[in-house]
PDB file of N, CA and C in Angstrom:
ATOM      1  N   UNK A   1       0.783  -1.033  -0.057  1.00  0.00           N
ATOM      2  CA  UNK A   1      -0.011   0.037  -0.011  1.00  0.00           C
ATOM      3  C   UNK A   1       0.990   1.007  -0.328  1.00  0.00           C
ATOM      4  N   UNK A   2       2.050   1.656   1.323  1.00  0.00           N
ATOM      5  CA  UNK A   2       2.984   2.455   0.823  1.00  0.00           C
ATOM      6  C   UNK A   2       3.694   2.797   0.044  1.00  0.00           C
ATOM      7  N   UNK A   3       3.434   2.234  -1.664  1.00  0.00           N
ATOM      8  CA  UNK A   3       4.646   2.213  -2.344  1.00  0.00           C
ATOM      9  C   UNK A   3       3.353   3.042  -3.262  1.00  0.00           C
ATOM     10  N   UNK A   4       2.390   2.342  -3.421  1.00  0.00           N
ATOM     11  CA  UNK A   4       1.357   3.555  -4.004  1.00  0.00           C
ATOM     12  C   UNK A   4       0.662   4.896  -4.002  1.00  0.00           C
ATOM     13  N   UNK A   5       1.222   4.991  -2.672  1.00  0.00           N
ATOM     14  CA  UNK A   5       0.924   6.510  -1.965  1.00  0.00           C
ATOM     15  C   UNK A   5       1.777   7.412  -3.241  1.00  0.00           C
ATOM     16  N   UNK A   6       0.810   8.980  -3.610  1.00  0.00           N
ATOM     17  CA  UNK A   6       1.190  10.046  -4.242  1.00  0.00           C
ATOM     18  C   UNK A   6       0.458  10.664  -3.714  1.00  0.00           C
ATOM     19  N   UNK A   7       0.913  11.963  -4.257  1.00  0.00           N
ATOM     20  CA  UNK A   7      -0.404  13.189  -4.359  1.00  0.00           C
ATOM     21  C   UNK A   7      -0.817  13.386  -5.454  1.00  0.00           C
ATOM     22  N   UNK A   8      -0.451  12.788  -6.921  1.00  0.00           N
ATOM     23  CA  UNK A   8      -1.567  12.638  -7.763  1.00  0.00           C
ATOM     24  C   UNK A   8      -2.546  11.171  -7.788  1.00  0.00           C
ATOM     25  N   UNK A   9      -2.599  10.598  -7.043  1.00  0.00           N
ATOM     26  CA  UNK A   9      -3.085   9.256  -6.805  1.00  0.00           C
ATOM     27  C   UNK A   9      -4.482   9.209  -5.849  1.00  0.00           C
ATOM     28  N   UNK A  10      -5.263   8.948  -6.207  1.00  0.00           N
ATOM     29  CA  UNK A  10      -6.723   8.234  -5.118  1.00  0.00           C
ATOM     30  C   UNK A  10      -6.110   6.986  -4.688  1.00  0.00           C
ATOM     31  N   UNK A  11      -5.963   5.971  -3.490  1.00  0.00           N
ATOM     32  CA  UNK A  11      -5.899   5.254  -3.368  1.00  0.00           C
ATOM     33  C   UNK A  11      -7.239   4.101  -2.616  1.00  0.00           C
ATOM     34  N   UNK A  12      -8.339   3.498  -2.419  1.00  0.00           N
ATOM     35  CA  UNK A  12      -8.695   2.889  -2.098  1.00  0.00           C
ATOM     36  C   UNK A  12      -8.795   0.998  -0.996  1.00  0.00           C
ATOM     37  N   UNK A  13      -8.516   1.342  -0.703  1.00  0.00           N
ATOM     38  CA  UNK A  13      -7.806  -0.581   0.424  1.00  0.00           C
ATOM     39  C   UNK A  13      -9.340  -0.572   1.082  1.00  0.00           C
ATOM     40  N   UNK A  14      -9.377  -1.941   0.478  1.00  0.00           N
ATOM     41  CA  UNK A  14     -10.378  -3.016   0.693  1.00  0.00           C
ATOM     42  C   UNK A  14     -10.575  -3.402   1.979  1.00  0.00           C
ATOM     43  N   UNK A  15     -10.631  -4.141   3.265  1.00  0.00           N
ATOM     44  CA  UNK A  15     -10.090  -5.070   3.978  1.00  0.00           C
ATOM     45  C   UNK A  15     -10.906  -5.964   4.336  1.00  0.00           C
ATOM     46  N   UNK A  16     -11.532  -7.083   4.375  1.00  0.00           N
ATOM     47  CA  UNK A  16     -11.831  -7.484   5.520  1.00  0.00           C
ATOM     48  C   UNK A  16     -11.495  -7.657   7.008  1.00  0.00           C
ATOM     49  N   UNK A  17     -10.212  -7.370   7.381  1.00  0.00           N
ATOM     50  CA  UNK A  17      -9.536  -7.061   8.451  1.00  0.00           C
ATOM     51  C   UNK A  17      -9.121  -5.431   8.640  1.00  0.00           C
ATOM     52  N   UNK A  18      -9.900  -4.794   8.685  1.00  0.00           N
ATOM     53  CA  UNK A  18      -9.818  -3.264   8.858  1.00  0.00           C
ATOM     54  C   UNK A  18      -9.662  -3.249  10.262  1.00  0.00           C
ATOM     55  N   UNK A  19      -8.719  -3.234  10.829  1.00  0.00           N
ATOM     56  CA  UNK A  19      -8.194  -3.017  11.776  1.00  0.00           C
ATOM     57  C   UNK A  19      -7.721  -1.647  11.914  1.00  0.00           C
ATOM     58  N   UNK A  20      -7.588  -1.439  13.508  1.00  0.00           N
ATOM     59  CA  UNK A  20      -7.602  -0.229  14.363  1.00  0.00           C
ATOM     60  C   UNK A  20      -5.988   0.300  13.914  1.00  0.00           C
ATOM     61  N   UNK A  21      -5.130  -0.889  14.071  1.00  0.00           N
ATOM     62  CA  UNK A  21      -3.720  -0.661  14.308  1.00  0.00           C
ATOM     63  C   UNK A  21      -3.550  -0.491  12.724  1.00  0.00           C
ATOM     64  N   UNK A  22      -4.337  -1.074  11.248  1.00  0.00           N
ATOM     65  CA  UNK A  22      -3.919  -1.009   9.407  1.00  0.00           C
ATOM     66  C   UNK A  22      -4.381   0.363   9.572  1.00  0.00           C
ATOM     67  N   UNK A  23      -5.797   0.964  10.398  1.00  0.00           N
ATOM     68  CA  UNK A  23      -5.744   2.498   9.942  1.00  0.00           C
ATOM     69  C   UNK A  23      -4.879   2.855   9.992  1.00  0.00           C
ATOM     70  N   UNK A  24      -4.585   3.346  11.230  1.00  0.00           N
ATOM     71  CA  UNK A  24      -3.687   4.100  11.877  1.00  0.00           C
ATOM     72  C   UNK A  24      -1.844   3.851  11.090  1.00  0.00           C
ATOM     73  N   UNK A  25      -1.753   2.658  10.796  1.00  0.00           N
ATOM     74  CA  UNK A  25      -0.536   2.529   9.530  1.00  0.00           C
ATOM     75  C   UNK A  25      -0.071   3.184   8.404  1.00  0.00           C
ATOM     76  N   UNK A  26      -1.658   3.078   7.927  1.00  0.00           N
ATOM     77  CA  UNK A  26      -2.037   3.979   6.633  1.00  0.00           C
ATOM     78  C   UNK A  26      -1.783   5.631   6.765  1.00  0.00           C
ATOM     79  N   UNK A  27      -2.734   6.253   8.144  1.00  0.00           N
ATOM     80  CA  UNK A  27      -2.717   7.208   8.301  1.00  0.00           C
ATOM     81  C   UNK A  27      -1.180   8.068   8.213  1.00  0.00           C
ATOM     82  N   UNK A  28      -0.490   7.239   9.396  1.00  0.00           N
ATOM     83  CA  UNK A  28       0.932   7.383   9.061  1.00  0.00           C
ATOM     84  C   UNK A  28       2.344   7.531   8.181  1.00  0.00           C
ATOM     85  N   UNK A  29       1.844   6.455   7.560  1.00  0.00           N
ATOM     86  CA  UNK A  29       2.080   6.740   5.755  1.00  0.00           C
ATOM     87  C   UNK A  29       1.924   8.141   4.729  1.00  0.00           C
ATOM     88  N   UNK A  30       0.571   7.627   5.241  1.00  0.00           N
ATOM     89  CA  UNK A  30       0.282   9.280   4.405  1.00  0.00           C
ATOM     90  C   UNK A  30       0.794  10.488   5.305  1.00  0.00           C
ATOM     91  N   UNK A  31       0.894  10.545   6.633  1.00  0.00           N
ATOM     92  CA  UNK A  31       1.095  11.854   6.948  1.00  0.00           C
ATOM     93  C   UNK A  31       3.390  12.385   6.592  1.00  0.00           C
ATOM     94  N   UNK A  32       3.496  11.323   7.134  1.00  0.00           N
ATOM     95  CA  UNK A  32       5.336  11.416   6.503  1.00  0.00           C
ATOM     96  C   UNK A  32       5.410  11.524   4.914  1.00  0.00           C
ATOM     97  N   UNK A  33       4.402  11.064   3.861  1.00  0.00           N
ATOM     98  CA  UNK A  33       3.972  11.967   2.965  1.00  0.00           C
ATOM     99  C   UNK A  33       3.528  13.329   2.406  1.00  0.00           C
ATOM    100  N   UNK A  34       3.216  13.799   3.723  1.00  0.00           N
ATOM    101  CA  UNK A  34       2.377  14.904   3.847  1.00  0.00           C
ATOM    102  C   UNK A  34       1.238  14.794   2.471  1.00  0.00           C
ATOM    103  N   UNK A  35       0.391  13.683   3.043  1.00  0.00           N
ATOM    104  CA  UNK A  35      -0.858  14.087   1.692  1.00  0.00           C
ATOM    105  C   UNK A  35      -1.917  13.527   3.021  1.00  0.00           C
ATOM    106  N   UNK A  36      -3.124  13.874   2.359  1.00  0.00           N
ATOM    107  CA  UNK A  36      -4.284  14.239   3.013  1.00  0.00           C
ATOM    108  C   UNK A  36      -5.135  12.155   3.359  1.00  0.00           C
ATOM    109  N   UNK A  37      -5.990  12.570   3.786  1.00  0.00           N
ATOM    110  CA  UNK A  37      -6.492  11.181   4.099  1.00  0.00           C
ATOM    111  C   UNK A  37      -7.918  10.838   4.581  1.00  0.00           C
ATOM    112  N   UNK A  38      -8.724  10.072   4.046  1.00  0.00           N
ATOM    113  CA  UNK A  38     -10.019   9.894   4.242  1.00  0.00           C
ATOM    114  C   UNK A  38     -10.519   8.357   4.676  1.00  0.00           C
ATOM    115  N   UNK A  39     -11.322   8.335   5.797  1.00  0.00           N
ATOM    116  CA  UNK A  39     -11.351   6.886   6.043  1.00  0.00           C
ATOM    117  C   UNK A  39     -13.111   6.630   6.050  1.00  0.00           C
ATOM    118  N   UNK A  40     -13.334   6.216   4.916  1.00  0.00           N
ATOM    119  CA  UNK A  40     -14.780   5.996   5.154  1.00  0.00           C
ATOM    120  C   UNK A  40     -15.393   4.203   5.618  1.00  0.00           C
ATOM    121  N   UNK A  41     -16.103   4.062   6.066  1.00  0.00           N
ATOM    122  CA  UNK A  41     -16.261   2.908   6.885  1.00  0.00           C
ATOM    123  C   UNK A  41     -17.811   2.763   6.294  1.00  0.00           C
ATOM    124  N   UNK A  42     -18.226   1.566   5.348  1.00  0.00           N
ATOM    125  CA  UNK A  42     -19.094   1.029   5.562  1.00  0.00           C
ATOM    126  C   UNK A  42     -20.266  -0.187   6.058  1.00  0.00           C
ATOM    127  N   UNK A  43     -21.391  -0.059   6.561  1.00  0.00           N
ATOM    128  CA  UNK A  43     -21.538  -0.873   7.100  1.00  0.00           C
ATOM    129  C   UNK A  43     -23.016  -1.511   6.211  1.00  0.00           C
ATOM    130  N   UNK A  44     -23.046  -2.712   6.532  1.00  0.00           N
ATOM    131  CA  UNK A  44     -24.213  -3.276   5.512  1.00  0.00           C
ATOM    132  C   UNK A  44     -24.900  -4.583   6.536  1.00  0.00           C
ATOM    133  N   UNK A  45     -25.568  -3.834   6.744  1.00  0.00           N
ATOM    134  CA  UNK A  45     -27.281  -4.592   7.997  1.00  0.00           C
ATOM    135  C   UNK A  45     -27.184  -6.390   7.898  1.00  0.00           C
ATOM    136  N   UNK A  46     -27.778  -6.758   9.027  1.00  0.00           N
ATOM    137  CA  UNK A  46     -27.935  -7.911   8.655  1.00  0.00           C
ATOM    138  C   UNK A  46     -28.916  -8.817   7.669  1.00  0.00           C
ATOM    139  N   UNK A  47     -29.381  -8.383   7.393  1.00  0.00           N
ATOM    140  CA  UNK A  47     -30.975  -8.608   6.667  1.00  0.00           C
ATOM    141  C   UNK A  47     -30.257  -8.623   4.741  1.00  0.00           C
ATOM    142  N   UNK A  48     -29.415  -7.629   5.007  1.00  0.00           N
ATOM    143  CA  UNK A  48     -28.713  -7.248   3.690  1.00  0.00           C
ATOM    144  C   UNK A  48     -27.969  -8.429   3.305  1.00  0.00           C
ATOM    145  N   UNK A  49     -26.933  -8.639   4.168  1.00  0.00           N
ATOM    146  CA  UNK A  49     -25.921  -9.334   4.012  1.00  0.00           C
ATOM    147  C   UNK A  49     -26.701 -10.740   3.615  1.00  0.00           C
ATOM    148  N   UNK A  50     -27.510 -11.180   4.497  1.00  0.00           N
ATOM    149  CA  UNK A  50     -28.584 -12.700   4.671  1.00  0.00           C
ATOM    150  C   UNK A  50     -28.523 -12.553   3.017  1.00  0.00           C
ATOM    151  N   UNK A  51     -29.467 -11.861   2.140  1.00  0.00           N
ATOM    152  CA  UNK A  51     -29.645 -11.300   0.845  1.00  0.00           C
ATOM    153  C   UNK A  51     -29.214 -11.366   0.309  1.00  0.00           C
ATOM    154  N   UNK A  52     -28.297 -11.238   0.521  1.00  0.00           N
ATOM    155  CA  UNK A  52     -26.842 -10.924  -0.858  1.00  0.00           C
ATOM    156  C   UNK A  52     -26.194 -12.110  -1.064  1.00  0.00           C
ATOM    157  N   UNK A  53     -25.944 -12.699   0.205  1.00  0.00           N
ATOM    158  CA  UNK A  53     -25.046 -14.829   0.348  1.00  0.00           C
ATOM    159  C   UNK A  53     -26.416 -15.561  -0.346  1.00  0.00           C
ATOM    160  N   UNK A  54     -27.515 -15.416   0.151  1.00  0.00           N
ATOM    161  CA  UNK A  54     -29.099 -16.480  -0.395  1.00  0.00           C
ATOM    162  C   UNK A  54     -28.688 -15.948  -1.943  1.00  0.00           C
ATOM    163  N   UNK A  55     -29.061 -15.330  -2.514  1.00  0.00           N
ATOM    164  CA  UNK A  55     -28.658 -14.115  -3.671  1.00  0.00           C
ATOM    165  C   UNK A  55     -27.467 -15.510  -4.366  1.00  0.00           C
ATOM    166  N   UNK A  56     -26.529 -15.014  -3.845  1.00  0.00           N
ATOM    167  CA  UNK A  56     -25.216 -15.282  -4.204  1.00  0.00           C
ATOM    168  C   UNK A  56     -25.251 -17.447  -4.505  1.00  0.00           C
ATOM    169  N   UNK A  57     -25.547 -17.604  -3.862  1.00  0.00           N
ATOM    170  CA  UNK A  57     -25.715 -19.491  -3.173  1.00  0.00           C
ATOM    171  C   UNK A  57     -26.837 -19.516  -3.898  1.00  0.00           C
ATOM    172  N   UNK A  58     -27.488 -18.978  -4.709  1.00  0.00           N
ATOM    173  CA  UNK A  58     -28.837 -19.063  -5.753  1.00  0.00           C
ATOM    174  C   UNK A  58     -28.325 -19.371  -7.599  1.00  0.00           C
ATOM    175  N   UNK A  59     -27.208 -18.430  -7.335  1.00  0.00           N
ATOM    176  CA  UNK A  59     -26.846 -18.265  -8.513  1.00  0.00           C
ATOM    177  C   UNK A  59     -25.601 -18.900  -9.160  1.00  0.00           C
ATOM    178  N   UNK A  60     -25.008 -19.194  -7.874  1.00  0.00           N
ATOM    179  CA  UNK A  60     -23.649 -20.443  -8.180  1.00  0.00           C
ATOM    180  C   UNK A  60     -24.511 -21.539  -8.872  1.00  0.00           C
ATOM    181  N   UNK A  61     -25.449 -22.616  -7.647  1.00  0.00           N
ATOM    182  CA  UNK A  61     -26.796 -23.636  -7.810  1.00  0.00           C
ATOM    183  C   UNK A  61     -27.173 -23.609  -9.617  1.00  0.00           C
ATOM    184  N   UNK A  62     -27.094 -22.317  -9.869  1.00  0.00           N
ATOM    185  CA  UNK A  62     -28.525 -22.327 -10.984  1.00  0.00           C
ATOM    186  C   UNK A  62     -26.966 -22.343 -12.051  1.00  0.00           C
ATOM    187  N   UNK A  63     -25.571 -21.451 -12.222  1.00  0.00           N
ATOM    188  CA  UNK A  63     -24.554 -21.224 -13.644  1.00  0.00           C
ATOM    189  C   UNK A  63     -23.682 -22.228 -13.033  1.00  0.00           C
ATOM    190  N   UNK A  64     -23.391 -22.646 -11.608  1.00  0.00           N
ATOM    191  CA  UNK A  64     -22.245 -23.136 -11.486  1.00  0.00           C
ATOM    192  C   UNK A  64     -20.917 -22.556 -11.171  1.00  0.00           C
ATOM    193  N   UNK A  65     -21.189 -21.360 -11.008  1.00  0.00           N
ATOM    194  CA  UNK A  65     -20.091 -20.256 -10.465  1.00  0.00           C
ATOM    195  C   UNK A  65     -20.514 -19.532  -9.856  1.00  0.00           C
ATOM    196  N   UNK A  66     -19.422 -17.959  -9.982  1.00  0.00           N
ATOM    197  CA  UNK A  66     -19.581 -16.736  -9.040  1.00  0.00           C
ATOM    198  C   UNK A  66     -18.493 -17.053  -7.760  1.00  0.00           C
TER     199      UNK A  66
END
């Protein structure tokens, strides 16, 4: 991630294990290069997640992939 940081780059990082220490490490790396940062956290409600998993399972069963 650090090698991709630049003043003319928009870096989007997606991680399932997006823990506080990882966010702080990214923040420190950006500050070191005098870059601006923004952290966005998206939260999916359980019902929506269950629906996504259900539809993916149906799709996999019907078409054999995904």
